[in-house]
């Protein structure tokens, strides 16, 4: 039964770590640009001069 208390404590600690990581990501602006990734696939990659010669 003691292992249950340890496992519950570890899971709560892990959940708090993930919650802190989520808030840190929001604070640093990781989720601000939602438009660019959706249209990035529509544009071709720029080719270099070496690839154009082939």
PDB file of N, CA and C in Angstrom:
ATOM      1  N   UNK A   1       0.827  -1.199   0.000  1.00  0.00           N
ATOM      2  CA  UNK A   1       0.000   0.000   0.000  1.00  0.00           C
ATOM      3  C   UNK A   1       0.869   1.261   0.000  1.00  0.00           C
ATOM      4  N   UNK A   2       2.048   1.160   0.560  1.00  0.00           N
ATOM      5  CA  UNK A   2       2.929   2.317   0.607  1.00  0.00           C
ATOM      6  C   UNK A   2       3.384   2.728  -0.792  1.00  0.00           C
ATOM      7  N   UNK A   3       3.513   1.767  -1.679  1.00  0.00           N
ATOM      8  CA  UNK A   3       3.941   2.078  -3.040  1.00  0.00           C
ATOM      9  C   UNK A   3       2.908   2.935  -3.761  1.00  0.00           C
ATOM     10  N   UNK A   4       1.634   2.773  -3.403  1.00  0.00           N
ATOM     11  CA  UNK A   4       0.592   3.597  -4.021  1.00  0.00           C
ATOM     12  C   UNK A   4       0.793   5.073  -3.697  1.00  0.00           C
ATOM     13  N   UNK A   5       1.167   5.370  -2.456  1.00  0.00           N
ATOM     14  CA  UNK A   5       1.414   6.762  -2.070  1.00  0.00           C
ATOM     15  C   UNK A   5       2.616   7.333  -2.826  1.00  0.00           C
ATOM     16  N   UNK A   6       3.623   6.516  -3.028  1.00  0.00           N
ATOM     17  CA  UNK A   6       4.799   6.957  -3.769  1.00  0.00           C
ATOM     18  C   UNK A   6       4.440   7.205  -5.236  1.00  0.00           C
ATOM     19  N   UNK A   7       3.683   6.294  -5.830  1.00  0.00           N
ATOM     20  CA  UNK A   7       3.302   6.441  -7.229  1.00  0.00           C
ATOM     21  C   UNK A   7       2.383   7.639  -7.442  1.00  0.00           C
ATOM     22  N   UNK A   8       1.466   7.875  -6.522  1.00  0.00           N
ATOM     23  CA  UNK A   8       0.589   9.041  -6.643  1.00  0.00           C
ATOM     24  C   UNK A   8       1.401  10.317  -6.514  1.00  0.00           C
ATOM     25  N   UNK A   9       2.331  10.347  -5.591  1.00  0.00           N
ATOM     26  CA  UNK A   9       3.194  11.517  -5.434  1.00  0.00           C
ATOM     27  C   UNK A   9       4.041  11.772  -6.666  1.00  0.00           C
ATOM     28  N   UNK A  10       4.591  10.709  -7.245  1.00  0.00           N
ATOM     29  CA  UNK A  10       5.397  10.862  -8.463  1.00  0.00           C
ATOM     30  C   UNK A  10       4.550  11.341  -9.638  1.00  0.00           C
ATOM     31  N   UNK A  11       3.340  10.835  -9.757  1.00  0.00           N
ATOM     32  CA  UNK A  11       2.490  11.252 -10.876  1.00  0.00           C
ATOM     33  C   UNK A  11       2.046  12.702 -10.718  1.00  0.00           C
ATOM     34  N   UNK A  12       1.772  13.126  -9.506  1.00  0.00           N
ATOM     35  CA  UNK A  12       1.414  14.538  -9.291  1.00  0.00           C
ATOM     36  C   UNK A  12       2.613  15.426  -9.587  1.00  0.00           C
ATOM     37  N   UNK A  13       3.800  15.010  -9.168  1.00  0.00           N
ATOM     38  CA  UNK A  13       5.007  15.780  -9.450  1.00  0.00           C
ATOM     39  C   UNK A  13       5.265  15.871 -10.949  1.00  0.00           C
ATOM     40  N   UNK A  14       5.109  14.779 -11.658  1.00  0.00           N
ATOM     41  CA  UNK A  14       5.289  14.769 -13.107  1.00  0.00           C
ATOM     42  C   UNK A  14       4.256  15.654 -13.803  1.00  0.00           C
ATOM     43  N   UNK A  15       3.022  15.615 -13.332  1.00  0.00           N
ATOM     44  CA  UNK A  15       1.982  16.471 -13.903  1.00  0.00           C
ATOM     45  C   UNK A  15       2.315  17.944 -13.683  1.00  0.00           C
ATOM     46  N   UNK A  16       2.845  18.287 -12.537  1.00  0.00           N
ATOM     47  CA  UNK A  16       3.231  19.676 -12.268  1.00  0.00           C
ATOM     48  C   UNK A  16       4.395  20.111 -13.159  1.00  0.00           C
ATOM     49  N   UNK A  17       5.324  19.199 -13.428  1.00  0.00           N
ATOM     50  CA  UNK A  17       6.439  19.516 -14.320  1.00  0.00           C
ATOM     51  C   UNK A  17       5.916  19.813 -15.721  1.00  0.00           C
ATOM     52  N   UNK A  18       5.006  18.986 -16.219  1.00  0.00           N
ATOM     53  CA  UNK A  18       4.440  19.222 -17.548  1.00  0.00           C
ATOM     54  C   UNK A  18       3.598  20.495 -17.581  1.00  0.00           C
ATOM     55  N   UNK A  19       2.904  20.800 -16.513  1.00  0.00           N
ATOM     56  CA  UNK A  19       2.123  22.032 -16.449  1.00  0.00           C
ATOM     57  C   UNK A  19       3.034  23.249 -16.471  1.00  0.00           C
ATOM     58  N   UNK A  20       4.130  23.190 -15.733  1.00  0.00           N
ATOM     59  CA  UNK A  20       5.104  24.288 -15.746  1.00  0.00           C
ATOM     60  C   UNK A  20       5.730  24.444 -17.125  1.00  0.00           C
ATOM     61  N   UNK A  21       6.038  23.338 -17.799  1.00  0.00           N
ATOM     62  CA  UNK A  21       6.601  23.402 -19.148  1.00  0.00           C
ATOM     63  C   UNK A  21       5.602  24.020 -20.121  1.00  0.00           C
ATOM     64  N   UNK A  22       4.329  23.706 -19.967  1.00  0.00           N
ATOM     65  CA  UNK A  22       3.299  24.287 -20.828  1.00  0.00           C
ATOM     66  C   UNK A  22       3.206  25.791 -20.617  1.00  0.00           C
ATOM     67  N   UNK A  23       3.186  26.236 -19.364  1.00  0.00           N
ATOM     68  CA  UNK A  23       3.103  27.669 -19.090  1.00  0.00           C
ATOM     69  C   UNK A  23       4.365  28.388 -19.554  1.00  0.00           C
ATOM     70  N   UNK A  24       5.517  27.750 -19.426  1.00  0.00           N
ATOM     71  CA  UNK A  24       6.762  28.352 -19.904  1.00  0.00           C
ATOM     72  C   UNK A  24       6.723  28.523 -21.425  1.00  0.00           C
ATOM     73  N   UNK A  25       6.203  27.516 -22.125  1.00  0.00           N
ATOM     74  CA  UNK A  25       6.107  27.594 -23.584  1.00  0.00           C
ATOM     75  C   UNK A  25       5.156  28.710 -24.005  1.00  0.00           C
ATOM     76  N   UNK A  26       4.068  28.876 -23.293  1.00  0.00           N
ATOM     77  CA  UNK A  26       3.146  29.969 -23.610  1.00  0.00           C
ATOM     78  C   UNK A  26       3.770  31.321 -23.329  1.00  0.00           C
ATOM     79  N   UNK A  27       4.524  31.408 -22.243  1.00  0.00           N
ATOM     80  CA  UNK A  27       5.140  32.678 -21.861  1.00  0.00           C
ATOM     81  C   UNK A  27       6.207  33.109 -22.859  1.00  0.00           C
ATOM     82  N   UNK A  28       6.944  32.144 -23.429  1.00  0.00           N
ATOM     83  CA  UNK A  28       8.012  32.478 -24.367  1.00  0.00           C
ATOM     84  C   UNK A  28       7.521  32.591 -25.808  1.00  0.00           C
ATOM     85  N   UNK A  29       6.232  32.411 -26.045  1.00  0.00           N
ATOM     86  CA  UNK A  29       5.676  32.652 -27.373  1.00  0.00           C
ATOM     87  C   UNK A  29       5.747  31.469 -28.313  1.00  0.00           C
ATOM     88  N   UNK A  30       5.763  30.272 -27.814  1.00  0.00           N
ATOM     89  CA  UNK A  30       5.851  29.094 -28.675  1.00  0.00           C
ATOM     90  C   UNK A  30       4.575  28.878 -29.485  1.00  0.00           C
ATOM     91  N   UNK A  31       3.450  29.363 -28.994  1.00  0.00           N
ATOM     92  CA  UNK A  31       2.166  29.093 -29.644  1.00  0.00           C
ATOM     93  C   UNK A  31       1.586  30.324 -30.316  1.00  0.00           C
ATOM     94  N   UNK A  32       2.367  31.356 -30.517  1.00  0.00           N
ATOM     95  CA  UNK A  32       1.841  32.594 -31.080  1.00  0.00           C
ATOM     96  C   UNK A  32       1.577  32.502 -32.575  1.00  0.00           C
ATOM     97  N   UNK A  33       2.443  31.854 -33.330  1.00  0.00           N
ATOM     98  CA  UNK A  33       2.306  31.812 -34.788  1.00  0.00           C
ATOM     99  C   UNK A  33       1.618  30.515 -35.190  1.00  0.00           C
ATOM    100  N   UNK A  34       0.332  30.588 -35.431  1.00  0.00           N
ATOM    101  CA  UNK A  34      -0.403  29.391 -35.832  1.00  0.00           C
ATOM    102  C   UNK A  34      -0.661  29.357 -37.332  1.00  0.00           C
ATOM    103  N   UNK A  35      -0.350  30.450 -38.045  1.00  0.00           N
ATOM    104  CA  UNK A  35      -0.648  30.505 -39.472  1.00  0.00           C
ATOM    105  C   UNK A  35       0.487  29.961 -40.339  1.00  0.00           C
ATOM    106  N   UNK A  36       1.722  30.290 -40.013  1.00  0.00           N
ATOM    107  CA  UNK A  36       2.862  29.927 -40.853  1.00  0.00           C
ATOM    108  C   UNK A  36       3.022  28.416 -41.044  1.00  0.00           C
ATOM    109  N   UNK A  37       2.936  27.599 -40.013  1.00  0.00           N
ATOM    110  CA  UNK A  37       3.107  26.160 -40.254  1.00  0.00           C
ATOM    111  C   UNK A  37       2.059  25.564 -41.193  1.00  0.00           C
ATOM    112  N   UNK A  38       0.878  26.138 -41.209  1.00  0.00           N
ATOM    113  CA  UNK A  38      -0.167  25.572 -42.067  1.00  0.00           C
ATOM    114  C   UNK A  38       0.051  25.890 -43.538  1.00  0.00           C
ATOM    115  N   UNK A  39       0.776  26.952 -43.860  1.00  0.00           N
ATOM    116  CA  UNK A  39       0.998  27.291 -45.266  1.00  0.00           C
ATOM    117  C   UNK A  39       2.419  26.987 -45.716  1.00  0.00           C
ATOM    118  N   UNK A  40       3.280  26.567 -44.824  1.00  0.00           N
ATOM    119  CA  UNK A  40       4.669  26.286 -45.193  1.00  0.00           C
ATOM    120  C   UNK A  40       4.759  25.160 -46.207  1.00  0.00           C
ATOM    121  N   UNK A  41       3.868  24.197 -46.142  1.00  0.00           N
ATOM    122  CA  UNK A  41       3.922  23.068 -47.058  1.00  0.00           C
ATOM    123  C   UNK A  41       3.544  23.480 -48.486  1.00  0.00           C
ATOM    124  N   UNK A  42       2.864  24.610 -48.638  1.00  0.00           N
ATOM    125  CA  UNK A  42       2.425  25.037 -49.966  1.00  0.00           C
ATOM    126  C   UNK A  42       3.536  25.645 -50.793  1.00  0.00           C
ATOM    127  N   UNK A  43       4.615  26.090 -50.168  1.00  0.00           N
ATOM    128  CA  UNK A  43       5.703  26.758 -50.874  1.00  0.00           C
ATOM    129  C   UNK A  43       6.841  25.794 -51.137  1.00  0.00           C
ATOM    130  N   UNK A  44       7.440  25.902 -52.314  1.00  0.00           N
ATOM    131  CA  UNK A  44       8.588  25.073 -52.653  1.00  0.00           C
ATOM    132  C   UNK A  44       9.814  25.560 -51.895  1.00  0.00           C
ATOM    133  N   UNK A  45      10.713  24.635 -51.633  1.00  0.00           N
ATOM    134  CA  UNK A  45      11.983  25.018 -51.030  1.00  0.00           C
ATOM    135  C   UNK A  45      12.812  25.759 -52.073  1.00  0.00           C
ATOM    136  N   UNK A  46      13.565  26.733 -51.617  1.00  0.00           N
ATOM    137  CA  UNK A  46      14.424  27.459 -52.543  1.00  0.00           C
ATOM    138  C   UNK A  46      15.590  26.566 -52.939  1.00  0.00           C
ATOM    139  N   UNK A  47      15.889  26.544 -54.222  1.00  0.00           N
ATOM    140  CA  UNK A  47      16.980  25.705 -54.699  1.00  0.00           C
ATOM    141  C   UNK A  47      18.251  26.531 -54.795  1.00  0.00           C
ATOM    142  N   UNK A  48      19.356  25.872 -54.612  1.00  0.00           N
ATOM    143  CA  UNK A  48      20.639  26.548 -54.748  1.00  0.00           C
ATOM    144  C   UNK A  48      21.104  26.470 -56.198  1.00  0.00           C
ATOM    145  N   UNK A  49      22.139  27.185 -56.531  1.00  0.00           N
ATOM    146  CA  UNK A  49      22.631  27.195 -57.905  1.00  0.00           C
ATOM    147  C   UNK A  49      23.177  25.828 -58.317  1.00  0.00           C
ATOM    148  N   UNK A  50      23.741  25.098 -57.367  1.00  0.00           N
ATOM    149  CA  UNK A  50      24.281  23.763 -57.698  1.00  0.00           C
ATOM    150  C   UNK A  50      23.167  22.813 -58.104  1.00  0.00           C
ATOM    151  N   UNK A  51      22.030  22.888 -57.446  1.00  0.00           N
ATOM    152  CA  UNK A  51      20.919  22.004 -57.784  1.00  0.00           C
ATOM    153  C   UNK A  51      20.298  22.386 -59.125  1.00  0.00           C
ATOM    154  N   UNK A  52      20.329  23.659 -59.487  1.00  0.00           N
ATOM    155  CA  UNK A  52      19.750  24.090 -60.749  1.00  0.00           C
ATOM    156  C   UNK A  52      20.585  23.632 -61.944  1.00  0.00           C
ATOM    157  N   UNK A  53      21.906  23.458 -61.746  1.00  0.00           N
ATOM    158  CA  UNK A  53      22.773  23.047 -62.830  1.00  0.00           C
ATOM    159  C   UNK A  53      22.563  21.585 -63.209  1.00  0.00           C
ATOM    160  N   UNK A  54      22.036  20.811 -62.350  1.00  0.00           N
ATOM    161  CA  UNK A  54      21.858  19.368 -62.614  1.00  0.00           C
ATOM    162  C   UNK A  54      20.774  19.116 -63.581  1.00  0.00           C
TER     163      UNK A  54
END
